[in-house]
Amino acid sequence: MTTPNELRLLPWPGPGDKPCYLSTDDPDGYMSRLADGIEAAQLGMASELLEAASHTLDDQNADADELRWLSHTLTGALKDVLRVAVSRGHLSAVSDPHD
């Protein structure tokens, strides 16, 4: 995932919602495995949320509170997925998930 001496963007924010990085040469270390597990959980939750969003948007009776909750939740999931993508290097044009 990362090369030696490369910082890894972790899948959670640091204080003040700032990016949090890990410096390690051990991809099997505790923090690396923890980050891998959280990334997998975030991607899984985003997938489930996308399916739920499709159902909610198809529901003609969905009210404003449901749609507001959906927008808020999708925004959080998108932020998590973007952070994972940046961490994995799939968005080389993006250097910071807050930009």
N, C-alpha and C. Protein backbone atom coordinates (compact mmCIF):
# COMPACT_ATOMS: atom_id res chain seq x y z
N MET A 1 0.83 -1.19 0.00
CA MET A 1 0.00 0.00 0.00
C MET A 1 0.87 1.26 0.00
N THR A 2 1.82 1.35 0.92
CA THR A 2 2.73 2.47 0.93
C THR A 2 4.14 1.95 0.77
N THR A 3 5.00 2.77 0.22
CA THR A 3 6.40 2.38 0.08
C THR A 3 7.13 2.77 1.35
N PRO A 4 8.31 2.18 1.59
CA PRO A 4 9.07 2.56 2.78
C PRO A 4 9.29 4.06 2.85
N ASN A 5 9.20 4.61 4.05
CA ASN A 5 9.38 6.04 4.32
C ASN A 5 8.24 6.90 3.78
N GLU A 6 7.16 6.30 3.32
CA GLU A 6 6.01 7.05 2.86
C GLU A 6 4.97 7.08 3.97
N LEU A 7 4.39 8.25 4.21
CA LEU A 7 3.35 8.36 5.22
C LEU A 7 2.05 7.82 4.66
N ARG A 8 1.30 7.15 5.49
CA ARG A 8 -0.01 6.62 5.10
C ARG A 8 -1.10 7.50 5.71
N LEU A 9 -1.98 7.97 4.87
CA LEU A 9 -3.14 8.71 5.36
C LEU A 9 -4.08 7.71 6.02
N LEU A 10 -4.38 7.94 7.28
CA LEU A 10 -5.24 7.01 8.02
C LEU A 10 -6.71 7.32 7.74
N PRO A 11 -7.59 6.32 7.91
CA PRO A 11 -8.99 6.49 7.54
C PRO A 11 -9.83 7.21 8.60
N TRP A 12 -9.18 7.92 9.50
CA TRP A 12 -9.91 8.72 10.49
C TRP A 12 -9.21 10.06 10.60
N PRO A 13 -9.95 11.10 10.95
CA PRO A 13 -9.32 12.42 11.09
C PRO A 13 -8.61 12.56 12.42
N GLY A 14 -7.65 13.47 12.44
CA GLY A 14 -6.98 13.82 13.69
C GLY A 14 -7.71 14.98 14.35
N PRO A 15 -7.10 15.58 15.36
CA PRO A 15 -7.72 16.71 16.03
C PRO A 15 -8.05 17.83 15.05
N GLY A 16 -9.20 18.44 15.25
CA GLY A 16 -9.62 19.53 14.37
C GLY A 16 -9.99 19.06 12.98
N ASP A 17 -10.31 17.78 12.82
CA ASP A 17 -10.66 17.19 11.53
C ASP A 17 -9.52 17.28 10.52
N LYS A 18 -8.30 17.33 11.02
CA LYS A 18 -7.11 17.39 10.16
C LYS A 18 -6.71 15.97 9.76
N PRO A 19 -6.02 15.82 8.63
CA PRO A 19 -5.55 14.49 8.22
C PRO A 19 -4.62 13.90 9.28
N CYS A 20 -4.68 12.59 9.42
CA CYS A 20 -3.87 11.86 10.39
C CYS A 20 -3.04 10.85 9.60
N TYR A 21 -1.73 10.80 9.85
CA TYR A 21 -0.84 9.96 9.07
C TYR A 21 -0.12 8.94 9.96
N LEU A 22 0.28 7.83 9.34
CA LEU A 22 1.05 6.79 10.00
C LEU A 22 2.38 6.64 9.28
N SER A 23 3.45 6.60 10.07
CA SER A 23 4.77 6.36 9.52
C SER A 23 5.25 5.01 10.06
N THR A 24 5.34 4.03 9.18
CA THR A 24 5.81 2.70 9.58
C THR A 24 6.36 1.96 8.37
N ASP A 25 7.29 1.07 8.63
CA ASP A 25 7.80 0.18 7.58
C ASP A 25 7.14 -1.18 7.65
N ASP A 26 6.20 -1.35 8.58
CA ASP A 26 5.57 -2.65 8.81
C ASP A 26 4.10 -2.64 8.39
N PRO A 27 3.80 -3.11 7.17
CA PRO A 27 2.41 -3.10 6.71
C PRO A 27 1.53 -4.09 7.47
N ASP A 28 2.14 -4.96 8.27
CA ASP A 28 1.39 -5.92 9.08
C ASP A 28 1.35 -5.54 10.55
N GLY A 29 1.82 -4.33 10.86
CA GLY A 29 1.80 -3.87 12.24
C GLY A 29 0.38 -3.58 12.70
N TYR A 30 0.23 -3.41 14.02
CA TYR A 30 -1.09 -3.20 14.61
C TYR A 30 -1.84 -2.03 13.97
N MET A 31 -1.19 -0.86 13.87
CA MET A 31 -1.87 0.32 13.33
C MET A 31 -2.22 0.15 11.86
N SER A 32 -1.35 -0.48 11.09
CA SER A 32 -1.64 -0.73 9.68
C SER A 32 -2.84 -1.66 9.52
N ARG A 33 -2.87 -2.71 10.33
CA ARG A 33 -4.00 -3.65 10.27
C ARG A 33 -5.29 -2.98 10.75
N LEU A 34 -5.19 -2.15 11.79
CA LEU A 34 -6.35 -1.42 12.27
C LEU A 34 -6.89 -0.50 11.17
N ALA A 35 -6.00 0.23 10.52
CA ALA A 35 -6.41 1.12 9.43
C ALA A 35 -7.04 0.33 8.28
N ASP A 36 -6.45 -0.81 7.93
CA ASP A 36 -7.02 -1.66 6.87
C ASP A 36 -8.43 -2.11 7.23
N GLY A 37 -8.62 -2.51 8.48
CA GLY A 37 -9.94 -2.96 8.92
C GLY A 37 -10.97 -1.84 8.91
N ILE A 38 -10.56 -0.66 9.34
CA ILE A 38 -11.49 0.47 9.34
C ILE A 38 -11.82 0.88 7.91
N GLU A 39 -10.83 0.89 7.03
CA GLU A 39 -11.11 1.19 5.62
C GLU A 39 -12.11 0.21 5.04
N ALA A 40 -11.93 -1.07 5.32
CA ALA A 40 -12.85 -2.08 4.80
C ALA A 40 -14.26 -1.85 5.35
N ALA A 41 -14.36 -1.52 6.62
CA ALA A 41 -15.67 -1.25 7.22
C ALA A 41 -16.31 -0.01 6.60
N GLN A 42 -15.52 1.03 6.37
CA GLN A 42 -16.05 2.26 5.77
C GLN A 42 -16.56 2.00 4.36
N LEU A 43 -15.81 1.23 3.58
CA LEU A 43 -16.24 0.92 2.22
C LEU A 43 -17.49 0.05 2.22
N GLY A 44 -17.55 -0.89 3.14
CA GLY A 44 -18.75 -1.73 3.26
C GLY A 44 -19.97 -0.93 3.65
N MET A 45 -19.81 -0.03 4.62
CA MET A 45 -20.94 0.81 5.04
C MET A 45 -21.38 1.74 3.91
N ALA A 46 -20.43 2.26 3.14
CA ALA A 46 -20.78 3.13 2.02
C ALA A 46 -21.59 2.36 0.98
N SER A 47 -21.22 1.12 0.74
CA SER A 47 -21.95 0.30 -0.22
C SER A 47 -23.38 0.04 0.26
N GLU A 48 -23.52 -0.29 1.53
CA GLU A 48 -24.86 -0.51 2.09
C GLU A 48 -25.69 0.77 2.07
N LEU A 49 -25.05 1.89 2.38
CA LEU A 49 -25.75 3.17 2.38
C LEU A 49 -26.20 3.55 0.97
N LEU A 50 -25.40 3.25 -0.01
CA LEU A 50 -25.77 3.54 -1.39
C LEU A 50 -27.03 2.77 -1.78
N GLU A 51 -27.11 1.52 -1.37
CA GLU A 51 -28.31 0.72 -1.66
C GLU A 51 -29.52 1.30 -0.94
N ALA A 52 -29.35 1.68 0.33
CA ALA A 52 -30.46 2.27 1.09
C ALA A 52 -30.88 3.61 0.48
N ALA A 53 -29.91 4.36 0.00
CA ALA A 53 -30.22 5.66 -0.62
C ALA A 53 -31.07 5.47 -1.87
N SER A 54 -30.76 4.45 -2.65
CA SER A 54 -31.55 4.17 -3.85
C SER A 54 -33.00 3.90 -3.49
N HIS A 55 -33.22 3.13 -2.43
CA HIS A 55 -34.59 2.83 -1.99
C HIS A 55 -35.29 4.09 -1.50
N THR A 56 -34.59 4.90 -0.72
CA THR A 56 -35.19 6.12 -0.19
C THR A 56 -35.55 7.09 -1.31
N LEU A 57 -34.66 7.23 -2.27
CA LEU A 57 -34.92 8.16 -3.37
C LEU A 57 -36.04 7.67 -4.28
N ASP A 58 -36.24 6.37 -4.34
CA ASP A 58 -37.35 5.81 -5.13
C ASP A 58 -38.69 5.94 -4.41
N ASP A 59 -38.64 6.20 -3.11
CA ASP A 59 -39.86 6.30 -2.29
C ASP A 59 -40.47 7.69 -2.45
N GLN A 60 -41.60 7.76 -3.13
CA GLN A 60 -42.27 9.03 -3.36
C GLN A 60 -42.79 9.66 -2.06
N ASN A 61 -42.88 8.86 -0.99
CA ASN A 61 -43.38 9.35 0.29
C ASN A 61 -42.26 9.76 1.25
N ALA A 62 -41.01 9.71 0.80
CA ALA A 62 -39.90 10.12 1.67
C ALA A 62 -40.06 11.60 2.00
N ASP A 63 -39.96 11.91 3.29
CA ASP A 63 -40.16 13.31 3.69
C ASP A 63 -38.82 14.05 3.77
N ALA A 64 -38.91 15.34 4.05
CA ALA A 64 -37.71 16.19 4.08
C ALA A 64 -36.71 15.74 5.14
N ASP A 65 -37.19 15.29 6.29
CA ASP A 65 -36.27 14.83 7.34
C ASP A 65 -35.49 13.60 6.88
N GLU A 66 -36.14 12.66 6.21
CA GLU A 66 -35.45 11.47 5.70
C GLU A 66 -34.42 11.85 4.65
N LEU A 67 -34.78 12.77 3.76
CA LEU A 67 -33.85 13.19 2.71
C LEU A 67 -32.68 13.99 3.29
N ARG A 68 -32.94 14.78 4.30
CA ARG A 68 -31.87 15.54 4.96
C ARG A 68 -30.90 14.57 5.64
N TRP A 69 -31.45 13.57 6.36
CA TRP A 69 -30.61 12.56 7.00
C TRP A 69 -29.78 11.82 5.96
N LEU A 70 -30.43 11.46 4.86
CA LEU A 70 -29.75 10.75 3.79
C LEU A 70 -28.60 11.59 3.23
N SER A 71 -28.85 12.86 2.98
CA SER A 71 -27.80 13.75 2.46
C SER A 71 -26.64 13.86 3.43
N HIS A 72 -26.95 14.02 4.70
CA HIS A 72 -25.91 14.14 5.72
C HIS A 72 -25.08 12.85 5.80
N THR A 73 -25.75 11.72 5.80
CA THR A 73 -25.08 10.42 5.92
C THR A 73 -24.25 10.11 4.68
N LEU A 74 -24.79 10.41 3.51
CA LEU A 74 -24.04 10.19 2.27
C LEU A 74 -22.80 11.07 2.21
N THR A 75 -22.91 12.31 2.71
CA THR A 75 -21.77 13.21 2.73
C THR A 75 -20.65 12.64 3.60
N GLY A 76 -21.01 12.11 4.76
CA GLY A 76 -20.01 11.49 5.64
C GLY A 76 -19.37 10.28 5.00
N ALA A 77 -20.19 9.45 4.36
CA ALA A 77 -19.65 8.25 3.70
C ALA A 77 -18.75 8.62 2.53
N LEU A 78 -19.13 9.65 1.79
CA LEU A 78 -18.30 10.09 0.67
C LEU A 78 -16.96 10.62 1.16
N LYS A 79 -16.96 11.34 2.27
CA LYS A 79 -15.72 11.83 2.86
C LYS A 79 -14.82 10.66 3.24
N ASP A 80 -15.41 9.61 3.86
CA ASP A 80 -14.64 8.43 4.25
C ASP A 80 -14.06 7.71 3.03
N VAL A 81 -14.88 7.53 2.00
CA VAL A 81 -14.43 6.83 0.80
C VAL A 81 -13.34 7.62 0.08
N LEU A 82 -13.47 8.94 0.04
CA LEU A 82 -12.44 9.78 -0.58
C LEU A 82 -11.13 9.65 0.19
N ARG A 83 -11.22 9.64 1.51
CA ARG A 83 -10.00 9.50 2.32
C ARG A 83 -9.34 8.15 2.05
N VAL A 84 -10.13 7.08 1.92
CA VAL A 84 -9.58 5.75 1.61
C VAL A 84 -8.93 5.78 0.23
N ALA A 85 -9.59 6.40 -0.74
CA ALA A 85 -9.04 6.45 -2.11
C ALA A 85 -7.73 7.22 -2.14
N VAL A 86 -7.68 8.34 -1.43
CA VAL A 86 -6.44 9.12 -1.38
C VAL A 86 -5.35 8.30 -0.71
N SER A 87 -5.70 7.63 0.38
CA SER A 87 -4.73 6.82 1.10
C SER A 87 -4.16 5.72 0.22
N ARG A 88 -5.00 5.14 -0.59
CA ARG A 88 -4.55 4.04 -1.45
C ARG A 88 -3.90 4.53 -2.74
N GLY A 89 -3.86 5.84 -2.93
CA GLY A 89 -3.18 6.40 -4.08
C GLY A 89 -3.96 6.37 -5.37
N HIS A 90 -5.28 6.13 -5.31
CA HIS A 90 -6.08 6.06 -6.52
C HIS A 90 -6.50 7.43 -7.02
N LEU A 91 -6.29 8.45 -6.23
CA LEU A 91 -6.62 9.80 -6.67
C LEU A 91 -5.37 10.66 -6.58
N SER A 92 -4.42 10.40 -7.44
CA SER A 92 -3.14 11.09 -7.34
C SER A 92 -3.26 12.59 -7.53
N ALA A 93 -4.33 13.05 -8.15
CA ALA A 93 -4.49 14.48 -8.35
C ALA A 93 -4.97 15.18 -7.07
N VAL A 94 -5.43 14.41 -6.09
CA VAL A 94 -5.94 14.98 -4.85
C VAL A 94 -4.93 14.73 -3.76
N SER A 95 -4.45 15.80 -3.11
CA SER A 95 -3.46 15.61 -2.08
C SER A 95 -4.06 15.65 -0.69
N ASP A 96 -5.24 16.23 -0.53
CA ASP A 96 -5.87 16.37 0.79
C ASP A 96 -7.35 16.14 0.65
N PRO A 97 -7.93 15.22 1.46
CA PRO A 97 -9.37 14.93 1.31
C PRO A 97 -10.26 16.09 1.74
N HIS A 98 -9.71 17.17 2.31
CA HIS A 98 -10.51 18.32 2.71
C HIS A 98 -10.58 19.38 1.63
N ASP A 99 -9.78 19.25 0.57
CA ASP A 99 -9.78 20.26 -0.53
C ASP A 99 -10.95 20.08 -1.44
